[in-house]
């Protein structure tokens, strides 16, 4: 590849590489050995670069090599060009070799604590050459990050209905009713959804998709949005503690149940009649991304990895 200037000749990457080696070693023999060139070829490449650029880069004496003032300035630029080219080649190699390089995964807070152990184990086992970076954010922030290229892949509740985003379903999971142990619905099975109409319901703050899903379930049960709904928690752990304190009941995804209620004798779980209210969790990617086949393979692997969990892998 050649780097164009305004003259009739062009500087090439090979010439820049030769000059950068000489600038580093200040010795033709050492520089030639460092980049695997013969000394005459190296000297010729540097001379050709000087001719192409129209400036003297080196001061040659019988005993040593010195950089000219112009050479000192151009040496720094040459190194930047070579570094950038190296990064470009590494990126291309990552595309040619899937499951390598960096993967920036965004996860919603009501999924991250409960599914990340499975995700991390999967990547450690199946994709050890991939540098997985996890970002926990709410849905709107994740979608902004995906659109801007800050994130590569999302793990969140769907459907999203967002143009330019492709959803790769992973699993479905039921919601359960979490209540204080003395509550009339505590421990019951086959609870009709209509029971939600008269309950003191605790929900997450605005912005959490789990809040919106819970309100949708309530509306399906014939309950109006604002009836006896108290928004008091920014996270599920706090919400569960409020339930344990007797302030109301809440809807909890099955994947969160074990972690959030472990060793808490003040809580009990109620199970809805079939079909129970549920949510779908999926991976989401930019439509047409160059890594789409790679991400589809990750989704398929994750469907298998979640089978031990209390979920139903998507078909």
C-alpha atoms as a PDB file:
ATOM      1  CA  UNK A   1       0.000   0.000   0.000  1.00  0.00           C
ATOM      2  CA  UNK A   2       1.239   3.458  -0.909  1.00  0.00           C
ATOM      3  CA  UNK A   3       0.826   6.729   0.975  1.00  0.00           C
ATOM      4  CA  UNK A   4       0.193   9.510  -1.534  1.00  0.00           C
ATOM      5  CA  UNK A   5       1.765  12.952  -1.541  1.00  0.00           C
ATOM      6  CA  UNK A   6       1.329  15.833  -3.944  1.00  0.00           C
ATOM      7  CA  UNK A   7       4.286  14.819  -6.099  1.00  0.00           C
ATOM      8  CA  UNK A   8       4.503  12.144  -8.730  1.00  0.00           C
ATOM      9  CA  UNK A   9       5.969   9.513  -6.388  1.00  0.00           C
ATOM     10  CA  UNK A  10       4.403   7.807  -3.419  1.00  0.00           C
ATOM     11  CA  UNK A  11       5.705   6.671  -0.087  1.00  0.00           C
ATOM     12  CA  UNK A  12       4.935   3.029   0.708  1.00  0.00           C
ATOM     13  CA  UNK A  13       4.341   1.250   3.981  1.00  0.00           C
ATOM     14  CA  UNK A  14       7.474  -0.812   3.349  1.00  0.00           C
ATOM     15  CA  UNK A  15       9.505   2.403   3.108  1.00  0.00           C
ATOM     16  CA  UNK A  16       7.911   3.768   6.281  1.00  0.00           C
ATOM     17  CA  UNK A  17       8.678   0.505   8.080  1.00  0.00           C
ATOM     18  CA  UNK A  18      12.316   0.658   6.967  1.00  0.00           C
ATOM     19  CA  UNK A  19      12.718   4.277   8.042  1.00  0.00           C
ATOM     20  CA  UNK A  20      10.996   3.650  11.398  1.00  0.00           C
ATOM     21  CA  UNK A  21      13.449   0.820  12.092  1.00  0.00           C
ATOM     22  CA  UNK A  22      16.436   3.023  11.292  1.00  0.00           C
ATOM     23  CA  UNK A  23      14.998   5.833  13.431  1.00  0.00           C
ATOM     24  CA  UNK A  24      14.670   3.411  16.343  1.00  0.00           C
ATOM     25  CA  UNK A  25      18.077   1.715  16.063  1.00  0.00           C
ATOM     26  CA  UNK A  26      20.142   4.510  14.423  1.00  0.00           C
ATOM     27  CA  UNK A  27      22.118   1.720  12.755  1.00  0.00           C
ATOM     28  CA  UNK A  28      21.445   0.214   9.347  1.00  0.00           C
ATOM     29  CA  UNK A  29      22.641  -3.278  10.195  1.00  0.00           C
ATOM     30  CA  UNK A  30      20.635  -3.512  13.411  1.00  0.00           C
ATOM     31  CA  UNK A  31      17.563  -2.006  11.752  1.00  0.00           C
ATOM     32  CA  UNK A  32      17.774  -4.440   8.835  1.00  0.00           C
ATOM     33  CA  UNK A  33      18.022  -7.398  11.211  1.00  0.00           C
ATOM     34  CA  UNK A  34      15.076  -6.155  13.263  1.00  0.00           C
ATOM     35  CA  UNK A  35      12.651  -6.152  10.329  1.00  0.00           C
ATOM     36  CA  UNK A  36      14.173  -9.005   8.332  1.00  0.00           C
ATOM     37  CA  UNK A  37      15.491  -7.017   5.382  1.00  0.00           C
ATOM     38  CA  UNK A  38      18.895  -6.995   3.800  1.00  0.00           C
ATOM     39  CA  UNK A  39      20.967  -3.928   4.557  1.00  0.00           C
ATOM     40  CA  UNK A  40      21.116  -2.757   0.899  1.00  0.00           C
ATOM     41  CA  UNK A  41      17.315  -3.159   0.580  1.00  0.00           C
ATOM     42  CA  UNK A  42      16.791  -1.189   3.774  1.00  0.00           C
ATOM     43  CA  UNK A  43      19.086   1.619   2.633  1.00  0.00           C
ATOM     44  CA  UNK A  44      17.331   1.710  -0.732  1.00  0.00           C
ATOM     45  CA  UNK A  45      13.909   1.895   0.895  1.00  0.00           C
ATOM     46  CA  UNK A  46      14.918   4.842   3.078  1.00  0.00           C
ATOM     47  CA  UNK A  47      16.455   6.650   0.111  1.00  0.00           C
ATOM     48  CA  UNK A  48      13.269   6.059  -1.908  1.00  0.00           C
ATOM     49  CA  UNK A  49      11.203   7.478   0.954  1.00  0.00           C
ATOM     50  CA  UNK A  50      13.365  10.598   1.075  1.00  0.00           C
ATOM     51  CA  UNK A  51      12.914  11.038  -2.664  1.00  0.00           C
ATOM     52  CA  UNK A  52       9.153  10.516  -2.466  1.00  0.00           C
ATOM     53  CA  UNK A  53       8.755  12.998   0.388  1.00  0.00           C
ATOM     54  CA  UNK A  54      11.269  15.474  -0.966  1.00  0.00           C
ATOM     55  CA  UNK A  55      13.113  15.846   2.376  1.00  0.00           C
ATOM     56  CA  UNK A  56      16.325  14.499   3.897  1.00  0.00           C
ATOM     57  CA  UNK A  57      15.467  12.200   6.799  1.00  0.00           C
ATOM     58  CA  UNK A  58      18.925  11.000   7.841  1.00  0.00           C
ATOM     59  CA  UNK A  59      22.386  12.407   8.273  1.00  0.00           C
ATOM     60  CA  UNK A  60      24.759   9.634   7.270  1.00  0.00           C
ATOM     61  CA  UNK A  61      28.366   9.584   8.387  1.00  0.00           C
ATOM     62  CA  UNK A  62      30.969   6.853   8.206  1.00  0.00           C
ATOM     63  CA  UNK A  63      30.514   6.063  11.903  1.00  0.00           C
ATOM     64  CA  UNK A  64      26.818   6.568  12.736  1.00  0.00           C
ATOM     65  CA  UNK A  65      23.346   7.538  11.557  1.00  0.00           C
ATOM     66  CA  UNK A  66      21.525  10.603  12.860  1.00  0.00           C
ATOM     67  CA  UNK A  67      18.010  11.845  12.272  1.00  0.00           C
ATOM     68  CA  UNK A  68      17.689  15.214  10.582  1.00  0.00           C
ATOM     69  CA  UNK A  69      15.227  17.712  12.081  1.00  0.00           C
ATOM     70  CA  UNK A  70      12.697  16.659   9.425  1.00  0.00           C
ATOM     71  CA  UNK A  71      13.471  13.007  10.153  1.00  0.00           C
ATOM     72  CA  UNK A  72      12.670  13.434  13.847  1.00  0.00           C
ATOM     73  CA  UNK A  73       9.251  14.831  13.034  1.00  0.00           C
ATOM     74  CA  UNK A  74       8.415  12.303  10.348  1.00  0.00           C
ATOM     75  CA  UNK A  75       9.637   9.358  12.446  1.00  0.00           C
ATOM     76  CA  UNK A  76       6.842   9.972  14.962  1.00  0.00           C
ATOM     77  CA  UNK A  77       4.256  10.186  12.175  1.00  0.00           C
ATOM     78  CA  UNK A  78       5.616   7.049  10.520  1.00  0.00           C
ATOM     79  CA  UNK A  79       5.232   5.107  13.752  1.00  0.00           C
ATOM     80  CA  UNK A  80       1.625   6.329  14.120  1.00  0.00           C
ATOM     81  CA  UNK A  81       0.807   5.213  10.578  1.00  0.00           C
ATOM     82  CA  UNK A  82       2.355   1.792  11.155  1.00  0.00           C
ATOM     83  CA  UNK A  83       0.539   1.376  14.476  1.00  0.00           C
ATOM     84  CA  UNK A  84      -2.788   2.286  12.856  1.00  0.00           C
ATOM     85  CA  UNK A  85      -2.179  -0.182  10.054  1.00  0.00           C
ATOM     86  CA  UNK A  86      -1.411  -2.875  12.626  1.00  0.00           C
ATOM     87  CA  UNK A  87      -4.711  -2.192  14.385  1.00  0.00           C
ATOM     88  CA  UNK A  88      -6.562  -2.379  11.076  1.00  0.00           C
ATOM     89  CA  UNK A  89      -5.003  -5.756  10.294  1.00  0.00           C
ATOM     90  CA  UNK A  90      -5.853  -7.033  13.769  1.00  0.00           C
ATOM     91  CA  UNK A  91      -9.474  -5.985  13.268  1.00  0.00           C
ATOM     92  CA  UNK A  92      -9.621  -7.763   9.929  1.00  0.00           C
ATOM     93  CA  UNK A  93      -8.156 -10.883  11.518  1.00  0.00           C
ATOM     94  CA  UNK A  94     -10.851 -10.777  14.195  1.00  0.00           C
ATOM     95  CA  UNK A  95     -13.505 -10.741  11.463  1.00  0.00           C
ATOM     96  CA  UNK A  96     -11.848 -13.649   9.644  1.00  0.00           C
ATOM     97  CA  UNK A  97     -11.445 -15.545  12.928  1.00  0.00           C
ATOM     98  CA  UNK A  98     -14.768 -15.459  14.812  1.00  0.00           C
ATOM     99  CA  UNK A  99     -14.992 -15.681  18.586  1.00  0.00           C
ATOM    100  CA  UNK A 100     -11.832 -13.636  19.029  1.00  0.00           C
ATOM    101  CA  UNK A 101     -11.290 -10.003  19.938  1.00  0.00           C
ATOM    102  CA  UNK A 102     -13.537  -7.849  22.123  1.00  0.00           C
ATOM    103  CA  UNK A 103     -17.256  -8.378  22.684  1.00  0.00           C
ATOM    104  CA  UNK A 104     -19.034  -5.570  24.547  1.00  0.00           C
ATOM    105  CA  UNK A 105     -22.165  -7.130  26.032  1.00  0.00           C
ATOM    106  CA  UNK A 106     -24.921  -4.998  27.527  1.00  0.00           C
ATOM    107  CA  UNK A 107     -27.247  -6.587  30.117  1.00  0.00           C
ATOM    108  CA  UNK A 108     -30.305  -5.243  31.933  1.00  0.00           C
ATOM    109  CA  UNK A 109     -30.171  -5.180  35.777  1.00  0.00           C
ATOM    110  CA  UNK A 110     -33.039  -7.668  36.177  1.00  0.00           C
ATOM    111  CA  UNK A 111     -31.089 -10.266  34.195  1.00  0.00           C
ATOM    112  CA  UNK A 112     -27.428  -9.594  34.986  1.00  0.00           C
ATOM    113  CA  UNK A 113     -27.099 -11.035  38.540  1.00  0.00           C
ATOM    114  CA  UNK A 114     -29.018 -14.201  37.704  1.00  0.00           C
ATOM    115  CA  UNK A 115     -27.790 -15.098  34.232  1.00  0.00           C
ATOM    116  CA  UNK A 116     -24.206 -13.784  34.176  1.00  0.00           C
ATOM    117  CA  UNK A 117     -22.760 -16.852  35.947  1.00  0.00           C
ATOM    118  CA  UNK A 118     -24.125 -18.981  33.098  1.00  0.00           C
ATOM    119  CA  UNK A 119     -22.943 -16.509  30.440  1.00  0.00           C
ATOM    120  CA  UNK A 120     -19.441 -16.184  31.891  1.00  0.00           C
ATOM    121  CA  UNK A 121     -19.078 -19.939  32.234  1.00  0.00           C
ATOM    122  CA  UNK A 122     -20.169 -20.393  28.615  1.00  0.00           C
ATOM    123  CA  UNK A 123     -17.647 -17.873  27.311  1.00  0.00           C
ATOM    124  CA  UNK A 124     -14.857 -19.281  29.430  1.00  0.00           C
ATOM    125  CA  UNK A 125     -15.568 -22.769  28.134  1.00  0.00           C
ATOM    126  CA  UNK A 126     -16.557 -22.170  24.510  1.00  0.00           C
ATOM    127  CA  UNK A 127     -14.973 -18.827  23.590  1.00  0.00           C
ATOM    128  CA  UNK A 128     -11.742 -18.477  25.603  1.00  0.00           C
ATOM    129  CA  UNK A 129     -10.122 -16.187  23.009  1.00  0.00           C
ATOM    130  CA  UNK A 130     -12.900 -13.632  23.246  1.00  0.00           C
ATOM    131  CA  UNK A 131     -12.454 -10.609  25.519  1.00  0.00           C
ATOM    132  CA  UNK A 132     -15.924 -10.266  27.060  1.00  0.00           C
ATOM    133  CA  UNK A 133     -16.746  -6.853  28.539  1.00  0.00           C
ATOM    134  CA  UNK A 134     -20.047  -6.565  30.433  1.00  0.00           C
ATOM    135  CA  UNK A 135     -22.058  -3.352  30.829  1.00  0.00           C
ATOM    136  CA  UNK A 136     -25.134  -3.348  33.105  1.00  0.00           C
ATOM    137  CA  UNK A 137     -27.591  -0.630  32.076  1.00  0.00           C
ATOM    138  CA  UNK A 138     -31.306  -0.079  31.616  1.00  0.00           C
ATOM    139  CA  UNK A 139     -32.906  -0.934  28.289  1.00  0.00           C
ATOM    140  CA  UNK A 140     -33.004   2.563  26.799  1.00  0.00           C
ATOM    141  CA  UNK A 141     -29.317   3.151  27.538  1.00  0.00           C
ATOM    142  CA  UNK A 142     -28.388  -0.248  26.093  1.00  0.00           C
ATOM    143  CA  UNK A 143     -30.249   0.459  22.866  1.00  0.00           C
ATOM    144  CA  UNK A 144     -28.556   3.844  22.545  1.00  0.00           C
ATOM    145  CA  UNK A 145     -25.188   2.150  23.052  1.00  0.00           C
ATOM    146  CA  UNK A 146     -25.957  -0.482  20.441  1.00  0.00           C
ATOM    147  CA  UNK A 147     -26.991   2.116  17.875  1.00  0.00           C
ATOM    148  CA  UNK A 148     -23.891   4.234  18.546  1.00  0.00           C
ATOM    149  CA  UNK A 149     -21.516   1.270  18.286  1.00  0.00           C
ATOM    150  CA  UNK A 150     -20.522   1.502  21.964  1.00  0.00           C
ATOM    151  CA  UNK A 151     -22.001  -1.977  22.536  1.00  0.00           C
ATOM    152  CA  UNK A 152     -21.950  -5.021  20.266  1.00  0.00           C
ATOM    153  CA  UNK A 153     -24.635  -7.284  21.703  1.00  0.00           C
ATOM    154  CA  UNK A 154     -27.429  -6.947  24.273  1.00  0.00           C
ATOM    155  CA  UNK A 155     -29.086  -9.400  26.655  1.00  0.00           C
ATOM    156  CA  UNK A 156     -32.499  -8.100  27.650  1.00  0.00           C
ATOM    157  CA  UNK A 157     -36.261  -8.610  27.681  1.00  0.00           C
ATOM    158  CA  UNK A 158     -38.114  -8.506  24.362  1.00  0.00           C
ATOM    159  CA  UNK A 159     -39.983  -7.668  22.207  1.00  0.00           C
ATOM    160  CA  UNK A 160     -38.286  -4.344  21.590  1.00  0.00           C
ATOM    161  CA  UNK A 161     -39.896  -3.296  18.336  1.00  0.00           C
ATOM    162  CA  UNK A 162     -36.892  -1.133  17.454  1.00  0.00           C
ATOM    163  CA  UNK A 163     -35.970  -0.670  13.757  1.00  0.00           C
ATOM    164  CA  UNK A 164     -32.476  -1.812  12.898  1.00  0.00           C
ATOM    165  CA  UNK A 165     -32.273  -4.263  15.826  1.00  0.00           C
ATOM    166  CA  UNK A 166     -32.511  -8.027  15.356  1.00  0.00           C
ATOM    167  CA  UNK A 167     -33.665 -10.149  18.296  1.00  0.00           C
ATOM    168  CA  UNK A 168     -32.271 -13.651  18.891  1.00  0.00           C
ATOM    169  CA  UNK A 169     -34.583 -15.355  21.435  1.00  0.00           C
ATOM    170  CA  UNK A 170     -32.828 -17.277  24.218  1.00  0.00           C
ATOM    171  CA  UNK A 171     -35.471 -18.362  26.746  1.00  0.00           C
ATOM    172  CA  UNK A 172     -38.866 -17.708  28.317  1.00  0.00           C
ATOM    173  CA  UNK A 173     -39.437 -17.633  32.071  1.00  0.00           C
ATOM    174  CA  UNK A 174     -42.477 -17.388  34.305  1.00  0.00           C
ATOM    175  CA  UNK A 175     -43.180 -14.712  36.854  1.00  0.00           C
ATOM    176  CA  UNK A 176     -44.014 -15.771  40.401  1.00  0.00           C
ATOM    177  CA  UNK A 177     -45.735 -13.871  43.165  1.00  0.00           C
ATOM    178  CA  UNK A 178     -43.449 -13.013  46.067  1.00  0.00           C
ATOM    179  CA  UNK A 179     -45.256 -12.272  49.294  1.00  0.00           C
ATOM    180  CA  UNK A 180     -44.679 -12.096  53.062  1.00  0.00           C
ATOM    181  CA  UNK A 181     -44.949 -15.540  54.620  1.00  0.00           C
ATOM    182  CA  UNK A 182     -48.202 -14.676  56.419  1.00  0.00           C
ATOM    183  CA  UNK A 183     -49.908 -13.416  53.254  1.00  0.00           C
ATOM    184  CA  UNK A 184     -53.061 -15.326  52.168  1.00  0.00           C
ATOM    185  CA  UNK A 185     -51.479 -16.159  48.770  1.00  0.00           C
ATOM    186  CA  UNK A 186     -48.138 -17.265  50.205  1.00  0.00           C
ATOM    187  CA  UNK A 187     -47.202 -20.741  49.028  1.00  0.00           C
ATOM    188  CA  UNK A 188     -50.327 -21.160  46.890  1.00  0.00           C
ATOM    189  CA  UNK A 189     -50.313 -22.740  43.437  1.00  0.00           C
ATOM    190  CA  UNK A 190     -52.715 -22.069  40.599  1.00  0.00           C
ATOM    191  CA  UNK A 191     -53.268 -18.434  41.549  1.00  0.00           C
ATOM    192  CA  UNK A 192     -55.640 -16.748  39.042  1.00  0.00           C
ATOM    193  CA  UNK A 193     -54.225 -13.564  37.527  1.00  0.00           C
ATOM    194  CA  UNK A 194     -57.359 -11.771  38.663  1.00  0.00           C
ATOM    195  CA  UNK A 195     -56.005 -11.918  42.212  1.00  0.00           C
ATOM    196  CA  UNK A 196     -53.617  -9.133  41.212  1.00  0.00           C
ATOM    197  CA  UNK A 197     -56.482  -6.661  41.126  1.00  0.00           C
ATOM    198  CA  UNK A 198     -56.658  -6.163  44.861  1.00  0.00           C
ATOM    199  CA  UNK A 199     -53.044  -6.568  45.982  1.00  0.00           C
ATOM    200  CA  UNK A 200     -50.689  -3.943  47.403  1.00  0.00           C
ATOM    201  CA  UNK A 201     -48.128  -4.236  44.605  1.00  0.00           C
ATOM    202  CA  UNK A 202     -44.515  -3.075  44.881  1.00  0.00           C
ATOM    203  CA  UNK A 203     -42.698  -2.306  41.622  1.00  0.00           C
ATOM    204  CA  UNK A 204     -39.333  -1.050  40.419  1.00  0.00           C
ATOM    205  CA  UNK A 205     -38.731   2.585  39.526  1.00  0.00           C
ATOM    206  CA  UNK A 206     -39.511   4.091  36.141  1.00  0.00           C
ATOM    207  CA  UNK A 207     -37.113   3.003  33.403  1.00  0.00           C
ATOM    208  CA  UNK A 208     -36.928  -0.677  34.344  1.00  0.00           C
ATOM    209  CA  UNK A 209     -38.519  -2.901  31.734  1.00  0.00           C
ATOM    210  CA  UNK A 210     -39.589  -5.298  34.503  1.00  0.00           C
ATOM    211  CA  UNK A 211     -41.865  -2.561  35.858  1.00  0.00           C
ATOM    212  CA  UNK A 212     -43.508  -2.189  32.448  1.00  0.00           C
ATOM    213  CA  UNK A 213     -43.931  -5.960  32.134  1.00  0.00           C
ATOM    214  CA  UNK A 214     -45.542  -6.166  35.579  1.00  0.00           C
ATOM    215  CA  UNK A 215     -47.948  -3.360  34.701  1.00  0.00           C
ATOM    216  CA  UNK A 216     -48.860  -5.127  31.460  1.00  0.00           C
ATOM    217  CA  UNK A 217     -49.657  -8.279  33.437  1.00  0.00           C
ATOM    218  CA  UNK A 218     -51.809  -6.240  35.811  1.00  0.00           C
ATOM    219  CA  UNK A 219     -53.704  -4.647  32.936  1.00  0.00           C
ATOM    220  CA  UNK A 220     -54.351  -8.094  31.452  1.00  0.00           C
ATOM    221  CA  UNK A 221     -55.782  -9.078  34.832  1.00  0.00           C
ATOM    222  CA  UNK A 222     -58.187  -6.134  34.679  1.00  0.00           C
ATOM    223  CA  UNK A 223     -56.269  -3.863  37.028  1.00  0.00           C
ATOM    224  CA  UNK A 224     -55.741  -0.154  36.307  1.00  0.00           C
ATOM    225  CA  UNK A 225     -52.151   1.146  36.252  1.00  0.00           C
ATOM    226  CA  UNK A 226     -52.238   3.221  39.399  1.00  0.00           C
ATOM    227  CA  UNK A 227     -54.367   1.104  41.693  1.00  0.00           C
ATOM    228  CA  UNK A 228     -52.455   0.436  44.910  1.00  0.00           C
ATOM    229  CA  UNK A 229     -49.075   0.399  43.126  1.00  0.00           C
ATOM    230  CA  UNK A 230     -46.228   1.721  45.253  1.00  0.00           C
ATOM    231  CA  UNK A 231     -42.948   2.411  43.448  1.00  0.00           C
ATOM    232  CA  UNK A 232     -40.296   2.219  46.110  1.00  0.00           C
ATOM    233  CA  UNK A 233     -37.210   0.384  44.815  1.00  0.00           C
ATOM    234  CA  UNK A 234     -34.406   0.963  42.324  1.00  0.00           C
ATOM    235  CA  UNK A 235     -33.380  -2.712  42.291  1.00  0.00           C
ATOM    236  CA  UNK A 236     -34.833  -6.171  42.816  1.00  0.00           C
ATOM    237  CA  UNK A 237     -32.856  -6.844  45.990  1.00  0.00           C
ATOM    238  CA  UNK A 238     -34.356  -3.795  47.695  1.00  0.00           C
ATOM    239  CA  UNK A 239     -37.805  -4.676  46.371  1.00  0.00           C
ATOM    240  CA  UNK A 240     -37.574  -8.158  47.872  1.00  0.00           C
ATOM    241  CA  UNK A 241     -36.554  -6.759  51.253  1.00  0.00           C
ATOM    242  CA  UNK A 242     -39.578  -4.459  51.218  1.00  0.00           C
ATOM    243  CA  UNK A 243     -41.784  -7.463  50.582  1.00  0.00           C
ATOM    244  CA  UNK A 244     -40.112  -9.316  53.454  1.00  0.00           C
ATOM    245  CA  UNK A 245     -40.875  -6.300  55.646  1.00  0.00           C
ATOM    246  CA  UNK A 246     -44.577  -6.655  54.943  1.00  0.00           C
ATOM    247  CA  UNK A 247     -45.071  -3.607  52.728  1.00  0.00           C
ATOM    248  CA  UNK A 248     -46.705  -5.524  49.892  1.00  0.00           C
ATOM    249  CA  UNK A 249     -46.128  -8.158  47.226  1.00  0.00           C
ATOM    250  CA  UNK A 250     -44.240  -8.141  43.947  1.00  0.00           C
ATOM    251  CA  UNK A 251     -43.736 -10.102  40.728  1.00  0.00           C
ATOM    252  CA  UNK A 252     -40.371 -11.794  40.407  1.00  0.00           C
ATOM    253  CA  UNK A 253     -38.809 -13.613  37.418  1.00  0.00           C
ATOM    254  CA  UNK A 254     -38.117 -17.289  38.176  1.00  0.00           C
ATOM    255  CA  UNK A 255     -34.384 -16.876  37.505  1.00  0.00           C
ATOM    256  CA  UNK A 256     -34.174 -14.308  40.307  1.00  0.00           C
ATOM    257  CA  UNK A 257     -36.070 -16.353  42.877  1.00  0.00           C
ATOM    258  CA  UNK A 258     -33.292 -18.492  44.328  1.00  0.00           C
ATOM    259  CA  UNK A 259     -30.723 -15.729  44.727  1.00  0.00           C
ATOM    260  CA  UNK A 260     -33.088 -13.066  46.038  1.00  0.00           C
ATOM    261  CA  UNK A 261     -35.006 -15.207  48.545  1.00  0.00           C
ATOM    262  CA  UNK A 262     -32.238 -17.465  49.843  1.00  0.00           C
ATOM    263  CA  UNK A 263     -32.267 -17.886  53.624  1.00  0.00           C
ATOM    264  CA  UNK A 264     -35.067 -15.345  54.098  1.00  0.00           C
ATOM    265  CA  UNK A 265     -37.676 -16.926  56.353  1.00  0.00           C
ATOM    266  CA  UNK A 266     -40.050 -13.993  55.973  1.00  0.00           C
ATOM    267  CA  UNK A 267     -40.818 -14.668  52.301  1.00  0.00           C
ATOM    268  CA  UNK A 268     -42.990 -17.163  50.462  1.00  0.00           C
ATOM    269  CA  UNK A 269     -43.663 -17.790  46.784  1.00  0.00           C
ATOM    270  CA  UNK A 270     -46.983 -18.127  45.014  1.00  0.00           C
ATOM    271  CA  UNK A 271     -47.363 -19.676  41.556  1.00  0.00           C
ATOM    272  CA  UNK A 272     -49.869 -18.559  38.943  1.00  0.00           C
ATOM    273  CA  UNK A 273     -52.301 -20.791  37.088  1.00  0.00           C
ATOM    274  CA  UNK A 274     -51.274 -21.828  33.602  1.00  0.00           C
ATOM    275  CA  UNK A 275     -50.525 -20.098  31.360  1.00  0.00           C
ATOM    276  CA  UNK A 276     -48.471 -18.171  33.892  1.00  0.00           C
ATOM    277  CA  UNK A 277     -47.399 -14.607  33.071  1.00  0.00           C
ATOM    278  CA  UNK A 278     -43.923 -14.720  31.562  1.00  0.00           C
ATOM    279  CA  UNK A 279     -41.210 -12.761  29.814  1.00  0.00           C
ATOM    280  CA  UNK A 280     -38.837 -13.572  26.975  1.00  0.00           C
ATOM    281  CA  UNK A 281     -35.104 -12.915  27.204  1.00  0.00           C
ATOM    282  CA  UNK A 282     -33.108 -12.518  24.007  1.00  0.00           C
ATOM    283  CA  UNK A 283     -29.848 -11.334  22.572  1.00  0.00           C
ATOM    284  CA  UNK A 284     -30.147  -8.249  20.374  1.00  0.00           C
ATOM    285  CA  UNK A 285     -27.737  -7.113  17.674  1.00  0.00           C
ATOM    286  CA  UNK A 286     -27.596  -4.451  15.000  1.00  0.00           C
ATOM    287  CA  UNK A 287     -29.338  -5.745  11.909  1.00  0.00           C
ATOM    288  CA  UNK A 288     -26.757  -6.575   9.253  1.00  0.00           C
ATOM    289  CA  UNK A 289     -23.755  -6.464  11.594  1.00  0.00           C
ATOM    290  CA  UNK A 290     -20.667  -8.145  10.170  1.00  0.00           C
ATOM    291  CA  UNK A 291     -20.646 -10.445  13.217  1.00  0.00           C
ATOM    292  CA  UNK A 292     -24.231 -11.656  12.851  1.00  0.00           C
ATOM    293  CA  UNK A 293     -23.354 -15.316  12.215  1.00  0.00           C
ATOM    294  CA  UNK A 294     -21.038 -15.260  15.211  1.00  0.00           C
ATOM    295  CA  UNK A 295     -23.788 -13.783  17.403  1.00  0.00           C
ATOM    296  CA  UNK A 296     -26.347 -16.306  16.149  1.00  0.00           C
ATOM    297  CA  UNK A 297     -23.975 -19.078  17.194  1.00  0.00           C
ATOM    298  CA  UNK A 298     -23.598 -17.486  20.637  1.00  0.00           C
ATOM    299  CA  UNK A 299     -27.389 -17.342  21.000  1.00  0.00           C
ATOM    300  CA  UNK A 300     -27.697 -21.026  20.096  1.00  0.00           C
ATOM    301  CA  UNK A 301     -24.986 -21.947  22.610  1.00  0.00           C
ATOM    302  CA  UNK A 302     -26.663 -19.861  25.320  1.00  0.00           C
ATOM    303  CA  UNK A 303     -30.007 -21.614  24.713  1.00  0.00           C
ATOM    304  CA  UNK A 304     -28.304 -24.884  25.566  1.00  0.00           C
ATOM    305  CA  UNK A 305     -26.432 -23.429  28.533  1.00  0.00           C
ATOM    306  CA  UNK A 306     -29.627 -22.194  30.272  1.00  0.00           C
ATOM    307  CA  UNK A 307     -31.335 -25.616  30.284  1.00  0.00           C
ATOM    308  CA  UNK A 308     -30.454 -26.279  33.952  1.00  0.00           C
ATOM    309  CA  UNK A 309     -32.196 -23.018  34.927  1.00  0.00           C
ATOM    310  CA  UNK A 310     -35.963 -22.751  35.662  1.00  0.00           C
ATOM    311  CA  UNK A 311     -36.653 -21.483  32.124  1.00  0.00           C
ATOM    312  CA  UNK A 312     -37.832 -22.728  28.735  1.00  0.00           C
ATOM    313  CA  UNK A 313     -35.157 -22.332  26.029  1.00  0.00           C
ATOM    314  CA  UNK A 314     -36.539 -20.661  22.919  1.00  0.00           C
ATOM    315  CA  UNK A 315     -37.012 -22.759  19.820  1.00  0.00           C
END
